[in-house]
Structures are given as structure tokens and as C-alpha cells.
Amino acid sequence: MTSTGLEPGDFDRRVEILRIRADAIVDANGEIDRTRADTWEVWRRRWARVIPRDGREFWRLEAVDAAITHVIQFLHDRESSAITTDMRVRFQGRIFELTSGINVEEADRIMQFQAVERIA
């Protein structure tokens, strides 16, 4: 068991990390339309923990950020450290926008991201 209480087997959800394509269409204002599916490409496929926030947590954290619907965790490594809030996660056909990320306890064991499920 790791010092975080998690084992590699706890990361049991296969997700795709999406990034904006280098050739994404830019509009007249120089902006990329992040709502278009063809704007995104798969950067990596990873094992993760996808943790929905429960109702109590929504109420408790509402003042901070009521929009956060999930926490997504990855084992810490060079790839997970490169994940940014400009990326998205696709899990079971659902899209999650990453709003913030941290190296949990600065221990270089788990990268944790707050996420918002995007409803089409």
C-alpha cells in the first residue's frame, strides 16, 4: 500500500486524455471553437480513478465551486504531470473539462484534477 492508501489497482477506469489539435480551426477572432468534436484529438490513454462528487460534497463546496462534478486521479509520472487544464478527459463517452490539478501532498504519487462534466 502506498502512503496515500491507494494501490495501482485502484486506478481501474480507462480514460482518454484529449488535447486541442494542432490544425484546429481558428475563427475570425483568432479563437478556437472548443465545442467542436473535431477540435480535439486523443493525446494519451490512461488508467485513472473517476470519482463523482456526492450530494453532500456539492452542498458543502457550493460556495467554492458548485460546478465541479468529478475528481479524476492518475498515478504520478511524467505524462500525468504534463496534463493541463487546456485538456479534457473522455470516459465512457462522456467529456470532462479539467478545471484545476494538483500533485497530491506534493508527494509525486498522485495527480488529481477537479473536473466538470460537459453536457452536450
PDB file of N, CA and C in Angstrom:
ATOM      1  N   MET A   1       0.846  -1.178   0.000  1.00  0.00           N
ATOM      2  CA  MET A   1       0.000   0.000   0.000  1.00  0.00           C
ATOM      3  C   MET A   1       0.887   1.235   0.000  1.00  0.00           C
ATOM      4  N   THR A   2       0.472   2.244  -0.771  1.00  0.00           N
ATOM      5  CA  THR A   2       1.238   3.482  -0.812  1.00  0.00           C
ATOM      6  C   THR A   2       0.888   4.346   0.388  1.00  0.00           C
ATOM      7  N   SER A   3       1.661   5.410   0.586  1.00  0.00           N
ATOM      8  CA  SER A   3       1.393   6.309   1.712  1.00  0.00           C
ATOM      9  C   SER A   3       0.055   7.019   1.560  1.00  0.00           C
ATOM     10  N   THR A   4      -0.496   7.031   0.349  1.00  0.00           N
ATOM     11  CA  THR A   4      -1.796   7.666   0.122  1.00  0.00           C
ATOM     12  C   THR A   4      -2.944   6.708   0.400  1.00  0.00           C
ATOM     13  N   GLY A   5      -2.615   5.440   0.665  1.00  0.00           N
ATOM     14  CA  GLY A   5      -3.656   4.449   0.895  1.00  0.00           C
ATOM     15  C   GLY A   5      -4.209   3.857  -0.386  1.00  0.00           C
ATOM     16  N   LEU A   6      -3.642   4.216  -1.523  1.00  0.00           N
ATOM     17  CA  LEU A   6      -4.113   3.729  -2.811  1.00  0.00           C
ATOM     18  C   LEU A   6      -3.110   2.758  -3.411  1.00  0.00           C
ATOM     19  N   GLU A   7      -3.634   1.797  -4.136  1.00  0.00           N
ATOM     20  CA  GLU A   7      -2.811   0.846  -4.872  1.00  0.00           C
ATOM     21  C   GLU A   7      -2.981   1.112  -6.364  1.00  0.00           C
ATOM     22  N   PRO A   8      -2.010   0.706  -7.192  1.00  0.00           N
ATOM     23  CA  PRO A   8      -2.181   0.884  -8.632  1.00  0.00           C
ATOM     24  C   PRO A   8      -3.492   0.281  -9.152  1.00  0.00           C
ATOM     25  N   GLY A   9      -3.967  -0.804  -8.550  1.00  0.00           N
ATOM     26  CA  GLY A   9      -5.219  -1.427  -8.975  1.00  0.00           C
ATOM     27  C   GLY A   9      -6.449  -0.579  -8.709  1.00  0.00           C
ATOM     28  N   ASP A  10      -6.314   0.462  -7.873  1.00  0.00           N
ATOM     29  CA  ASP A  10      -7.433   1.364  -7.612  1.00  0.00           C
ATOM     30  C   ASP A  10      -7.711   2.267  -8.812  1.00  0.00           C
ATOM     31  N   PHE A  11      -6.750   2.384  -9.716  1.00  0.00           N
ATOM     32  CA  PHE A  11      -6.905   3.196 -10.918  1.00  0.00           C
ATOM     33  C   PHE A  11      -7.443   2.280 -12.017  1.00  0.00           C
ATOM     34  N   ASP A  12      -8.760   2.062 -11.977  1.00  0.00           N
ATOM     35  CA  ASP A  12      -9.367   0.991 -12.762  1.00  0.00           C
ATOM     36  C   ASP A  12     -10.299   1.474 -13.865  1.00  0.00           C
ATOM     37  N   ARG A  13     -10.225   2.729 -14.222  1.00  0.00           N
ATOM     38  CA  ARG A  13     -11.057   3.284 -15.286  1.00  0.00           C
ATOM     39  C   ARG A  13     -10.165   3.718 -16.436  1.00  0.00           C
ATOM     40  N   ARG A  14     -10.447   3.184 -17.624  1.00  0.00           N
ATOM     41  CA  ARG A  14      -9.661   3.554 -18.793  1.00  0.00           C
ATOM     42  C   ARG A  14     -10.237   4.836 -19.373  1.00  0.00           C
ATOM     43  N   VAL A  15      -9.417   5.867 -19.464  1.00  0.00           N
ATOM     44  CA  VAL A  15      -9.864   7.156 -19.978  1.00  0.00           C
ATOM     45  C   VAL A  15      -8.961   7.580 -21.127  1.00  0.00           C
ATOM     46  N   GLU A  16      -9.460   8.521 -21.898  1.00  0.00           N
ATOM     47  CA  GLU A  16      -8.665   9.144 -22.947  1.00  0.00           C
ATOM     48  C   GLU A  16      -8.463  10.606 -22.571  1.00  0.00           C
ATOM     49  N   ILE A  17      -7.237  11.052 -22.680  1.00  0.00           N
ATOM     50  CA  ILE A  17      -6.921  12.454 -22.436  1.00  0.00           C
ATOM     51  C   ILE A  17      -6.860  13.125 -23.805  1.00  0.00           C
ATOM     52  N   LEU A  18      -7.659  14.158 -23.955  1.00  0.00           N
ATOM     53  CA  LEU A  18      -7.777  14.854 -25.236  1.00  0.00           C
ATOM     54  C   LEU A  18      -7.059  16.196 -25.177  1.00  0.00           C
ATOM     55  N   ARG A  19      -6.449  16.551 -26.288  1.00  0.00           N
ATOM     56  CA  ARG A  19      -5.831  17.872 -26.407  1.00  0.00           C
ATOM     57  C   ARG A  19      -6.321  18.518 -27.693  1.00  0.00           C
ATOM     58  N   ILE A  20      -6.143  19.815 -27.778  1.00  0.00           N
ATOM     59  CA  ILE A  20      -6.553  20.548 -28.974  1.00  0.00           C
ATOM     60  C   ILE A  20      -5.607  20.190 -30.112  1.00  0.00           C
ATOM     61  N   ARG A  21      -6.188  19.872 -31.254  1.00  0.00           N
ATOM     62  CA  ARG A  21      -5.391  19.506 -32.434  1.00  0.00           C
ATOM     63  C   ARG A  21      -4.548  20.699 -32.891  1.00  0.00           C
ATOM     64  N   ALA A  22      -3.380  20.420 -33.390  1.00  0.00           N
ATOM     65  CA  ALA A  22      -2.504  21.480 -33.895  1.00  0.00           C
ATOM     66  C   ALA A  22      -3.141  22.199 -35.084  1.00  0.00           C
ATOM     67  N   ASP A  23      -3.988  21.488 -35.835  1.00  0.00           N
ATOM     68  CA  ASP A  23      -4.631  22.084 -37.008  1.00  0.00           C
ATOM     69  C   ASP A  23      -6.092  22.468 -36.741  1.00  0.00           C
ATOM     70  N   ALA A  24      -6.428  22.727 -35.479  1.00  0.00           N
ATOM     71  CA  ALA A  24      -7.798  23.107 -35.123  1.00  0.00           C
ATOM     72  C   ALA A  24      -8.192  24.392 -35.846  1.00  0.00           C
ATOM     73  N   ILE A  25      -9.448  24.479 -36.207  1.00  0.00           N
ATOM     74  CA  ILE A  25      -9.964  25.631 -36.939  1.00  0.00           C
ATOM     75  C   ILE A  25     -10.038  26.841 -36.009  1.00  0.00           C
ATOM     76  N   VAL A  26      -9.492  27.935 -36.505  1.00  0.00           N
ATOM     77  CA  VAL A  26      -9.497  29.199 -35.761  1.00  0.00           C
ATOM     78  C   VAL A  26     -10.496  30.129 -36.441  1.00  0.00           C
ATOM     79  N   ASP A  27     -11.365  30.780 -35.642  1.00  0.00           N
ATOM     80  CA  ASP A  27     -12.376  31.674 -36.223  1.00  0.00           C
ATOM     81  C   ASP A  27     -11.771  33.041 -36.537  1.00  0.00           C
ATOM     82  N   ALA A  28     -12.609  33.953 -37.021  1.00  0.00           N
ATOM     83  CA  ALA A  28     -12.149  35.287 -37.427  1.00  0.00           C
ATOM     84  C   ALA A  28     -11.560  36.087 -36.270  1.00  0.00           C
ATOM     85  N   ASN A  29     -11.944  35.746 -35.043  1.00  0.00           N
ATOM     86  CA  ASN A  29     -11.418  36.442 -33.863  1.00  0.00           C
ATOM     87  C   ASN A  29     -10.144  35.798 -33.324  1.00  0.00           C
ATOM     88  N   GLY A  30      -9.654  34.775 -34.014  1.00  0.00           N
ATOM     89  CA  GLY A  30      -8.447  34.090 -33.565  1.00  0.00           C
ATOM     90  C   GLY A  30      -8.691  33.083 -32.454  1.00  0.00           C
ATOM     91  N   GLU A  31      -9.953  32.742 -32.225  1.00  0.00           N
ATOM     92  CA  GLU A  31     -10.334  31.801 -31.169  1.00  0.00           C
ATOM     93  C   GLU A  31     -10.585  30.411 -31.744  1.00  0.00           C
ATOM     94  N   ILE A  32     -10.291  29.400 -30.951  1.00  0.00           N
ATOM     95  CA  ILE A  32     -10.586  28.020 -31.326  1.00  0.00           C
ATOM     96  C   ILE A  32     -11.927  27.649 -30.715  1.00  0.00           C
ATOM     97  N   ASP A  33     -12.804  27.055 -31.519  1.00  0.00           N
ATOM     98  CA  ASP A  33     -14.112  26.623 -31.038  1.00  0.00           C
ATOM     99  C   ASP A  33     -13.944  25.306 -30.292  1.00  0.00           C
ATOM    100  N   ARG A  34     -13.904  25.385 -28.964  1.00  0.00           N
ATOM    101  CA  ARG A  34     -13.665  24.209 -28.129  1.00  0.00           C
ATOM    102  C   ARG A  34     -14.878  23.282 -28.066  1.00  0.00           C
ATOM    103  N   THR A  35     -16.022  23.711 -28.609  1.00  0.00           N
ATOM    104  CA  THR A  35     -17.215  22.865 -28.571  1.00  0.00           C
ATOM    105  C   THR A  35     -17.252  21.868 -29.728  1.00  0.00           C
ATOM    106  N   ARG A  36     -16.453  22.083 -30.741  1.00  0.00           N
ATOM    107  CA  ARG A  36     -16.431  21.184 -31.899  1.00  0.00           C
ATOM    108  C   ARG A  36     -15.644  19.909 -31.571  1.00  0.00           C
ATOM    109  N   ALA A  37     -16.242  18.773 -31.887  1.00  0.00           N
ATOM    110  CA  ALA A  37     -15.575  17.492 -31.627  1.00  0.00           C
ATOM    111  C   ALA A  37     -14.275  17.372 -32.421  1.00  0.00           C
ATOM    112  N   ASP A  38     -14.232  17.926 -33.642  1.00  0.00           N
ATOM    113  CA  ASP A  38     -13.020  17.791 -34.461  1.00  0.00           C
ATOM    114  C   ASP A  38     -11.895  18.721 -34.018  1.00  0.00           C
ATOM    115  N   THR A  39     -12.113  19.501 -32.979  1.00  0.00           N
ATOM    116  CA  THR A  39     -11.053  20.339 -32.400  1.00  0.00           C
ATOM    117  C   THR A  39     -10.096  19.489 -31.573  1.00  0.00           C
ATOM    118  N   TRP A  40     -10.570  18.339 -31.104  1.00  0.00           N
ATOM    119  CA  TRP A  40      -9.840  17.532 -30.129  1.00  0.00           C
ATOM    120  C   TRP A  40      -9.263  16.266 -30.741  1.00  0.00           C
ATOM    121  N   GLU A  41      -8.126  15.819 -30.204  1.00  0.00           N
ATOM    122  CA  GLU A  41      -7.521  14.548 -30.574  1.00  0.00           C
ATOM    123  C   GLU A  41      -7.082  13.828 -29.303  1.00  0.00           C
ATOM    124  N   VAL A  42      -6.979  12.501 -29.398  1.00  0.00           N
ATOM    125  CA  VAL A  42      -6.520  11.723 -28.247  1.00  0.00           C
ATOM    126  C   VAL A  42      -5.018  11.936 -28.092  1.00  0.00           C
ATOM    127  N   TRP A  43      -4.629  12.385 -26.918  1.00  0.00           N
ATOM    128  CA  TRP A  43      -3.212  12.559 -26.593  1.00  0.00           C
ATOM    129  C   TRP A  43      -2.661  11.295 -25.947  1.00  0.00           C
ATOM    130  N   ARG A  44      -3.371  10.770 -24.945  1.00  0.00           N
ATOM    131  CA  ARG A  44      -2.954   9.545 -24.256  1.00  0.00           C
ATOM    132  C   ARG A  44      -4.178   8.784 -23.772  1.00  0.00           C
ATOM    133  N   ARG A  45      -4.012   7.487 -23.614  1.00  0.00           N
ATOM    134  CA  ARG A  45      -4.989   6.643 -22.926  1.00  0.00           C
ATOM    135  C   ARG A  45      -4.348   6.209 -21.621  1.00  0.00           C
ATOM    136  N   ARG A  46      -5.081   6.390 -20.519  1.00  0.00           N
ATOM    137  CA  ARG A  46      -4.506   6.131 -19.200  1.00  0.00           C
ATOM    138  C   ARG A  46      -5.508   5.430 -18.302  1.00  0.00           C
ATOM    139  N   TRP A  47      -4.987   4.775 -17.277  1.00  0.00           N
ATOM    140  CA  TRP A  47      -5.814   4.249 -16.202  1.00  0.00           C
ATOM    141  C   TRP A  47      -5.986   5.362 -15.183  1.00  0.00           C
ATOM    142  N   ALA A  48      -7.196   5.492 -14.658  1.00  0.00           N
ATOM    143  CA  ALA A  48      -7.493   6.584 -13.737  1.00  0.00           C
ATOM    144  C   ALA A  48      -8.542   6.153 -12.724  1.00  0.00           C
ATOM    145  N   ARG A  49      -8.715   6.981 -11.722  1.00  0.00           N
ATOM    146  CA  ARG A  49      -9.864   6.893 -10.816  1.00  0.00           C
ATOM    147  C   ARG A  49     -10.769   8.058 -11.200  1.00  0.00           C
ATOM    148  N   VAL A  50     -12.045   7.759 -11.414  1.00  0.00           N
ATOM    149  CA  VAL A  50     -13.027   8.789 -11.727  1.00  0.00           C
ATOM    150  C   VAL A  50     -14.032   8.766 -10.586  1.00  0.00           C
ATOM    151  N   ILE A  51     -14.027   9.837  -9.799  1.00  0.00           N
ATOM    152  CA  ILE A  51     -14.797   9.861  -8.562  1.00  0.00           C
ATOM    153  C   ILE A  51     -15.876  10.937  -8.651  1.00  0.00           C
ATOM    154  N   PRO A  52     -17.150  10.525  -8.713  1.00  0.00           N
ATOM    155  CA  PRO A  52     -18.204  11.549  -8.717  1.00  0.00           C
ATOM    156  C   PRO A  52     -18.316  12.197  -7.344  1.00  0.00           C
ATOM    157  N   ARG A  53     -18.614  13.463  -7.337  1.00  0.00           N
ATOM    158  CA  ARG A  53     -18.880  14.160  -6.080  1.00  0.00           C
ATOM    159  C   ARG A  53     -20.284  13.783  -5.636  1.00  0.00           C
ATOM    160  N   ASP A  54     -20.453  13.537  -4.360  1.00  0.00           N
ATOM    161  CA  ASP A  54     -21.791  13.199  -3.872  1.00  0.00           C
ATOM    162  C   ASP A  54     -22.554  14.469  -3.490  1.00  0.00           C
ATOM    163  N   GLY A  55     -23.839  14.330  -3.227  1.00  0.00           N
ATOM    164  CA  GLY A  55     -24.692  15.470  -2.924  1.00  0.00           C
ATOM    165  C   GLY A  55     -24.208  16.295  -1.754  1.00  0.00           C
ATOM    166  N   ARG A  56     -23.748  15.641  -0.689  1.00  0.00           N
ATOM    167  CA  ARG A  56     -23.245  16.374   0.482  1.00  0.00           C
ATOM    168  C   ARG A  56     -22.063  17.239   0.098  1.00  0.00           C
ATOM    169  N   GLU A  57     -21.184  16.687  -0.724  1.00  0.00           N
ATOM    170  CA  GLU A  57     -19.996  17.444  -1.097  1.00  0.00           C
ATOM    171  C   GLU A  57     -20.384  18.649  -1.943  1.00  0.00           C
ATOM    172  N   PHE A  58     -21.391  18.477  -2.840  1.00  0.00           N
ATOM    173  CA  PHE A  58     -21.857  19.618  -3.620  1.00  0.00           C
ATOM    174  C   PHE A  58     -22.318  20.737  -2.705  1.00  0.00           C
ATOM    175  N   TRP A  59     -23.109  20.402  -1.697  1.00  0.00           N
ATOM    176  CA  TRP A  59     -23.633  21.428  -0.794  1.00  0.00           C
ATOM    177  C   TRP A  59     -22.517  22.052   0.015  1.00  0.00           C
ATOM    178  N   ARG A  60     -21.598  21.232   0.510  1.00  0.00           N
ATOM    179  CA  ARG A  60     -20.521  21.740   1.344  1.00  0.00           C
ATOM    180  C   ARG A  60     -19.595  22.658   0.553  1.00  0.00           C
ATOM    181  N   LEU A  61     -19.338  22.316  -0.699  1.00  0.00           N
ATOM    182  CA  LEU A  61     -18.384  23.079  -1.502  1.00  0.00           C
ATOM    183  C   LEU A  61     -19.041  24.093  -2.429  1.00  0.00           C
ATOM    184  N   GLU A  62     -20.349  24.220  -2.329  1.00  0.00           N
ATOM    185  CA  GLU A  62     -21.067  25.095  -3.253  1.00  0.00           C
ATOM    186  C   GLU A  62     -20.482  26.503  -3.286  1.00  0.00           C
ATOM    187  N   ALA A  63     -20.098  27.019  -2.148  1.00  0.00           N
ATOM    188  CA  ALA A  63     -19.551  28.372  -2.105  1.00  0.00           C
ATOM    189  C   ALA A  63     -18.218  28.462  -2.837  1.00  0.00           C
ATOM    190  N   VAL A  64     -17.492  27.357  -2.893  1.00  0.00           N
ATOM    191  CA  VAL A  64     -16.183  27.361  -3.553  1.00  0.00           C
ATOM    192  C   VAL A  64     -16.345  27.175  -5.051  1.00  0.00           C
ATOM    193  N   ASP A  65     -16.980  26.092  -5.467  1.00  0.00           N
ATOM    194  CA  ASP A  65     -17.164  25.824  -6.889  1.00  0.00           C
ATOM    195  C   ASP A  65     -18.193  24.725  -7.060  1.00  0.00           C
ATOM    196  N   ALA A  66     -19.443  25.102  -7.189  1.00  0.00           N
ATOM    197  CA  ALA A  66     -20.532  24.140  -7.280  1.00  0.00           C
ATOM    198  C   ALA A  66     -20.510  23.379  -8.603  1.00  0.00           C
ATOM    199  N   ALA A  67     -19.777  23.867  -9.594  1.00  0.00           N
ATOM    200  CA  ALA A  67     -19.778  23.228 -10.900  1.00  0.00           C
ATOM    201  C   ALA A  67     -18.957  21.943 -10.941  1.00  0.00           C
ATOM    202  N   ILE A  68     -18.041  21.749  -9.996  1.00  0.00           N
ATOM    203  CA  ILE A  68     -17.194  20.557 -10.022  1.00  0.00           C
ATOM    204  C   ILE A  68     -18.071  19.333  -9.818  1.00  0.00           C
ATOM    205  N   THR A  69     -18.036  18.412 -10.776  1.00  0.00           N
ATOM    206  CA  THR A  69     -18.870  17.214 -10.689  1.00  0.00           C
ATOM    207  C   THR A  69     -18.078  15.963 -10.369  1.00  0.00           C
ATOM    208  N   HIS A  70     -16.779  15.959 -10.678  1.00  0.00           N
ATOM    209  CA  HIS A  70     -15.951  14.763 -10.506  1.00  0.00           C
ATOM    210  C   HIS A  70     -14.526  15.136 -10.116  1.00  0.00           C
ATOM    211  N   VAL A  71     -13.855  14.193  -9.503  1.00  0.00           N
ATOM    212  CA  VAL A  71     -12.419  14.266  -9.275  1.00  0.00           C
ATOM    213  C   VAL A  71     -11.813  13.132 -10.097  1.00  0.00           C
ATOM    214  N   ILE A  72     -10.767  13.427 -10.849  1.00  0.00           N
ATOM    215  CA  ILE A  72     -10.102  12.419 -11.667  1.00  0.00           C
ATOM    216  C   ILE A  72      -8.651  12.345 -11.207  1.00  0.00           C
ATOM    217  N   GLN A  73      -8.205  11.128 -10.877  1.00  0.00           N
ATOM    218  CA  GLN A  73      -6.846  10.932 -10.366  1.00  0.00           C
ATOM    219  C   GLN A  73      -6.064   9.990 -11.282  1.00  0.00           C
ATOM    220  N   PHE A  74      -4.772  10.268 -11.396  1.00  0.00           N
ATOM    221  CA  PHE A  74      -3.831   9.438 -12.145  1.00  0.00           C
ATOM    222  C   PHE A  74      -2.633   9.168 -11.247  1.00  0.00           C
ATOM    223  N   LEU A  75      -1.996   8.023 -11.444  1.00  0.00           N
ATOM    224  CA  LEU A  75      -0.704   7.826 -10.793  1.00  0.00           C
ATOM    225  C   LEU A  75       0.252   8.863 -11.350  1.00  0.00           C
ATOM    226  N   HIS A  76       1.074   9.428 -10.492  1.00  0.00           N
ATOM    227  CA  HIS A  76       2.002  10.490 -10.880  1.00  0.00           C
ATOM    228  C   HIS A  76       3.137   9.905 -11.718  1.00  0.00           C
ATOM    229  N   ASP A  77       3.373  10.506 -12.854  1.00  0.00           N
ATOM    230  CA  ASP A  77       4.539  10.201 -13.685  1.00  0.00           C
ATOM    231  C   ASP A  77       4.731  11.369 -14.644  1.00  0.00           C
ATOM    232  N   ARG A  78       5.669  11.238 -15.556  1.00  0.00           N
ATOM    233  CA  ARG A  78       5.968  12.337 -16.474  1.00  0.00           C
ATOM    234  C   ARG A  78       4.747  12.717 -17.307  1.00  0.00           C
ATOM    235  N   GLU A  79       3.987  11.716 -17.780  1.00  0.00           N
ATOM    236  CA  GLU A  79       2.812  12.015 -18.601  1.00  0.00           C
ATOM    237  C   GLU A  79       1.707  12.690 -17.804  1.00  0.00           C
ATOM    238  N   SER A  80       1.397  12.159 -16.621  1.00  0.00           N
ATOM    239  CA  SER A  80       0.307  12.770 -15.856  1.00  0.00           C
ATOM    240  C   SER A  80       0.691  14.171 -15.385  1.00  0.00           C
ATOM    241  N   SER A  81       1.966  14.425 -15.187  1.00  0.00           N
ATOM    242  CA  SER A  81       2.420  15.762 -14.807  1.00  0.00           C
ATOM    243  C   SER A  81       2.264  16.759 -15.951  1.00  0.00           C
ATOM    244  N   ALA A  82       2.161  16.245 -17.182  1.00  0.00           N
ATOM    245  CA  ALA A  82       2.030  17.111 -18.355  1.00  0.00           C
ATOM    246  C   ALA A  82       0.573  17.455 -18.671  1.00  0.00           C
ATOM    247  N   ILE A  83      -0.368  16.857 -17.968  1.00  0.00           N
ATOM    248  CA  ILE A  83      -1.785  17.148 -18.199  1.00  0.00           C
ATOM    249  C   ILE A  83      -2.075  18.563 -17.710  1.00  0.00           C
ATOM    250  N   THR A  84      -2.808  19.321 -18.528  1.00  0.00           N
ATOM    251  CA  THR A  84      -3.128  20.707 -18.180  1.00  0.00           C
ATOM    252  C   THR A  84      -4.639  20.930 -18.247  1.00  0.00           C
ATOM    253  N   THR A  85      -5.059  22.084 -17.784  1.00  0.00           N
ATOM    254  CA  THR A  85      -6.480  22.427 -17.833  1.00  0.00           C
ATOM    255  C   THR A  85      -6.935  22.802 -19.242  1.00  0.00           C
ATOM    256  N   ASP A  86      -6.019  22.835 -20.197  1.00  0.00           N
ATOM    257  CA  ASP A  86      -6.398  23.016 -21.603  1.00  0.00           C
ATOM    258  C   ASP A  86      -6.818  21.695 -22.231  1.00  0.00           C
ATOM    259  N   MET A  87      -6.702  20.609 -21.481  1.00  0.00           N
ATOM    260  CA  MET A  87      -7.051  19.279 -21.971  1.00  0.00           C
ATOM    261  C   MET A  87      -8.397  18.849 -21.398  1.00  0.00           C
ATOM    262  N   ARG A  88      -8.898  17.758 -21.939  1.00  0.00           N
ATOM    263  CA  ARG A  88     -10.148  17.167 -21.470  1.00  0.00           C
ATOM    264  C   ARG A  88      -9.932  15.685 -21.250  1.00  0.00           C
ATOM    265  N   VAL A  89     -10.871  15.078 -20.536  1.00  0.00           N
ATOM    266  CA  VAL A  89     -10.859  13.631 -20.331  1.00  0.00           C
ATOM    267  C   VAL A  89     -12.162  13.067 -20.892  1.00  0.00           C
ATOM    268  N   ARG A  90     -12.037  11.974 -21.672  1.00  0.00           N
ATOM    269  CA  ARG A  90     -13.220  11.263 -22.159  1.00  0.00           C
ATOM    270  C   ARG A  90     -13.280   9.933 -21.425  1.00  0.00           C
ATOM    271  N   PHE A  91     -14.430   9.672 -20.804  1.00  0.00           N
ATOM    272  CA  PHE A  91     -14.638   8.445 -20.045  1.00  0.00           C
ATOM    273  C   PHE A  91     -16.036   7.930 -20.354  1.00  0.00           C
ATOM    274  N   GLN A  92     -16.099   6.715 -20.884  1.00  0.00           N
ATOM    275  CA  GLN A  92     -17.365   6.082 -21.242  1.00  0.00           C
ATOM    276  C   GLN A  92     -18.230   6.995 -22.108  1.00  0.00           C
ATOM    277  N   GLY A  93     -17.590   7.667 -23.066  1.00  0.00           N
ATOM    278  CA  GLY A  93     -18.308   8.538 -23.993  1.00  0.00           C
ATOM    279  C   GLY A  93     -18.666   9.902 -23.426  1.00  0.00           C
ATOM    280  N   ARG A  94     -18.353  10.146 -22.171  1.00  0.00           N
ATOM    281  CA  ARG A  94     -18.645  11.428 -21.528  1.00  0.00           C
ATOM    282  C   ARG A  94     -17.395  12.301 -21.539  1.00  0.00           C
ATOM    283  N   ILE A  95     -17.588  13.609 -21.606  1.00  0.00           N
ATOM    284  CA  ILE A  95     -16.474  14.555 -21.667  1.00  0.00           C
ATOM    285  C   ILE A  95     -16.395  15.331 -20.362  1.00  0.00           C
ATOM    286  N   PHE A  96     -15.165  15.433 -19.829  1.00  0.00           N
ATOM    287  CA  PHE A  96     -14.919  16.176 -18.600  1.00  0.00           C
ATOM    288  C   PHE A  96     -13.887  17.262 -18.876  1.00  0.00           C
ATOM    289  N   GLU A  97     -14.230  18.505 -18.546  1.00  0.00           N
ATOM    290  CA  GLU A  97     -13.287  19.610 -18.647  1.00  0.00           C
ATOM    291  C   GLU A  97     -12.517  19.684 -17.334  1.00  0.00           C
ATOM    292  N   LEU A  98     -11.222  19.800 -17.425  1.00  0.00           N
ATOM    293  CA  LEU A  98     -10.375  19.876 -16.236  1.00  0.00           C
ATOM    294  C   LEU A  98     -10.269  21.330 -15.797  1.00  0.00           C
ATOM    295  N   THR A  99     -10.567  21.596 -14.528  1.00  0.00           N
ATOM    296  CA  THR A  99     -10.550  22.978 -14.056  1.00  0.00           C
ATOM    297  C   THR A  99      -9.320  23.298 -13.216  1.00  0.00           C
ATOM    298  N   SER A 100      -8.748  22.306 -12.563  1.00  0.00           N
ATOM    299  CA  SER A 100      -7.521  22.519 -11.799  1.00  0.00           C
ATOM    300  C   SER A 100      -6.868  21.174 -11.529  1.00  0.00           C
ATOM    301  N   GLY A 101      -5.582  21.206 -11.272  1.00  0.00           N
ATOM    302  CA  GLY A 101      -4.864  19.971 -10.984  1.00  0.00           C
ATOM    303  C   GLY A 101      -3.792  20.197  -9.947  1.00  0.00           C
ATOM    304  N   ILE A 102      -3.557  19.159  -9.135  1.00  0.00           N
ATOM    305  CA  ILE A 102      -2.511  19.242  -8.117  1.00  0.00           C
ATOM    306  C   ILE A 102      -1.761  17.922  -8.010  1.00  0.00           C
ATOM    307  N   ASN A 103      -0.546  18.015  -7.547  1.00  0.00           N
ATOM    308  CA  ASN A 103       0.266  16.872  -7.156  1.00  0.00           C
ATOM    309  C   ASN A 103      -0.092  16.659  -5.675  1.00  0.00           C
ATOM    310  N   VAL A 104      -0.906  15.658  -5.375  1.00  0.00           N
ATOM    311  CA  VAL A 104      -1.460  15.475  -4.035  1.00  0.00           C
ATOM    312  C   VAL A 104      -0.348  15.398  -2.992  1.00  0.00           C
ATOM    313  N   GLU A 105      -0.444  16.249  -2.014  1.00  0.00           N
ATOM    314  CA  GLU A 105       0.513  16.354  -0.910  1.00  0.00           C
ATOM    315  C   GLU A 105       1.949  16.557  -1.386  1.00  0.00           C
ATOM    316  N   GLU A 106       2.107  16.993  -2.653  1.00  0.00           N
ATOM    317  CA  GLU A 106       3.443  17.206  -3.236  1.00  0.00           C
ATOM    318  C   GLU A 106       4.318  15.960  -3.074  1.00  0.00           C
ATOM    319  N   ALA A 107       3.660  14.791  -3.084  1.00  0.00           N
ATOM    320  CA  ALA A 107       4.355  13.535  -2.815  1.00  0.00           C
ATOM    321  C   ALA A 107       4.777  12.793  -4.084  1.00  0.00           C
ATOM    322  N   ASP A 108       4.469  13.331  -5.247  1.00  0.00           N
ATOM    323  CA  ASP A 108       4.806  12.695  -6.526  1.00  0.00           C
ATOM    324  C   ASP A 108       4.259  11.275  -6.630  1.00  0.00           C
ATOM    325  N   ARG A 109       3.043  11.077  -6.118  1.00  0.00           N
ATOM    326  CA  ARG A 109       2.388   9.771  -6.204  1.00  0.00           C
ATOM    327  C   ARG A 109       1.081   9.835  -6.974  1.00  0.00           C
ATOM    328  N   ILE A 110       0.318  10.912  -6.773  1.00  0.00           N
ATOM    329  CA  ILE A 110      -0.995  11.032  -7.410  1.00  0.00           C
ATOM    330  C   ILE A 110      -1.166  12.445  -7.958  1.00  0.00           C
ATOM    331  N   MET A 111      -1.632  12.523  -9.210  1.00  0.00           N
ATOM    332  CA  MET A 111      -2.065  13.788  -9.792  1.00  0.00           C
ATOM    333  C   MET A 111      -3.587  13.783  -9.729  1.00  0.00           C
ATOM    334  N   GLN A 112      -4.156  14.851  -9.198  1.00  0.00           N
ATOM    335  CA  GLN A 112      -5.604  14.922  -9.008  1.00  0.00           C
ATOM    336  C   GLN A 112      -6.150  16.165  -9.703  1.00  0.00           C
ATOM    337  N   PHE A 113      -7.248  15.962 -10.447  1.00  0.00           N
ATOM    338  CA  PHE A 113      -7.859  17.043 -11.203  1.00  0.00           C
ATOM    339  C   PHE A 113      -9.311  17.195 -10.814  1.00  0.00           C
ATOM    340  N   GLN A 114      -9.727  18.449 -10.629  1.00  0.00           N
ATOM    341  CA  GLN A 114     -11.138  18.756 -10.467  1.00  0.00           C
ATOM    342  C   GLN A 114     -11.694  18.834 -11.886  1.00  0.00           C
ATOM    343  N   ALA A 115     -12.906  18.304 -12.086  1.00  0.00           N
ATOM    344  CA  ALA A 115     -13.460  18.246 -13.428  1.00  0.00           C
ATOM    345  C   ALA A 115     -14.945  18.578 -13.433  1.00  0.00           C
ATOM    346  N   VAL A 116     -15.385  19.069 -14.577  1.00  0.00           N
ATOM    347  CA  VAL A 116     -16.793  19.382 -14.798  1.00  0.00           C
ATOM    348  C   VAL A 116     -17.244  18.561 -15.994  1.00  0.00           C
ATOM    349  N   GLU A 117     -18.298  17.788 -15.806  1.00  0.00           N
ATOM    350  CA  GLU A 117     -18.836  17.028 -16.937  1.00  0.00           C
ATOM    351  C   GLU A 117     -19.528  17.995 -17.877  1.00  0.00           C
ATOM    352  N   ARG A 118     -19.156  17.918 -19.143  1.00  0.00           N
ATOM    353  CA  ARG A 118     -19.754  18.787 -20.169  1.00  0.00           C
ATOM    354  C   ARG A 118     -20.968  18.081 -20.737  1.00  0.00           C
ATOM    355  N   ILE A 119     -22.096  18.708 -20.627  1.00  0.00           N
ATOM    356  CA  ILE A 119     -23.342  18.153 -21.168  1.00  0.00           C
ATOM    357  C   ILE A 119     -23.563  18.719 -22.549  1.00  0.00           C
ATOM    358  N   ALA A 120     -23.703  17.817 -23.517  1.00  0.00           N
ATOM    359  CA  ALA A 120     -23.867  18.258 -24.911  1.00  0.00           C
ATOM    360  C   ALA A 120     -25.256  18.806 -25.173  1.00  0.00           C
TER     361      ALA A 120
END
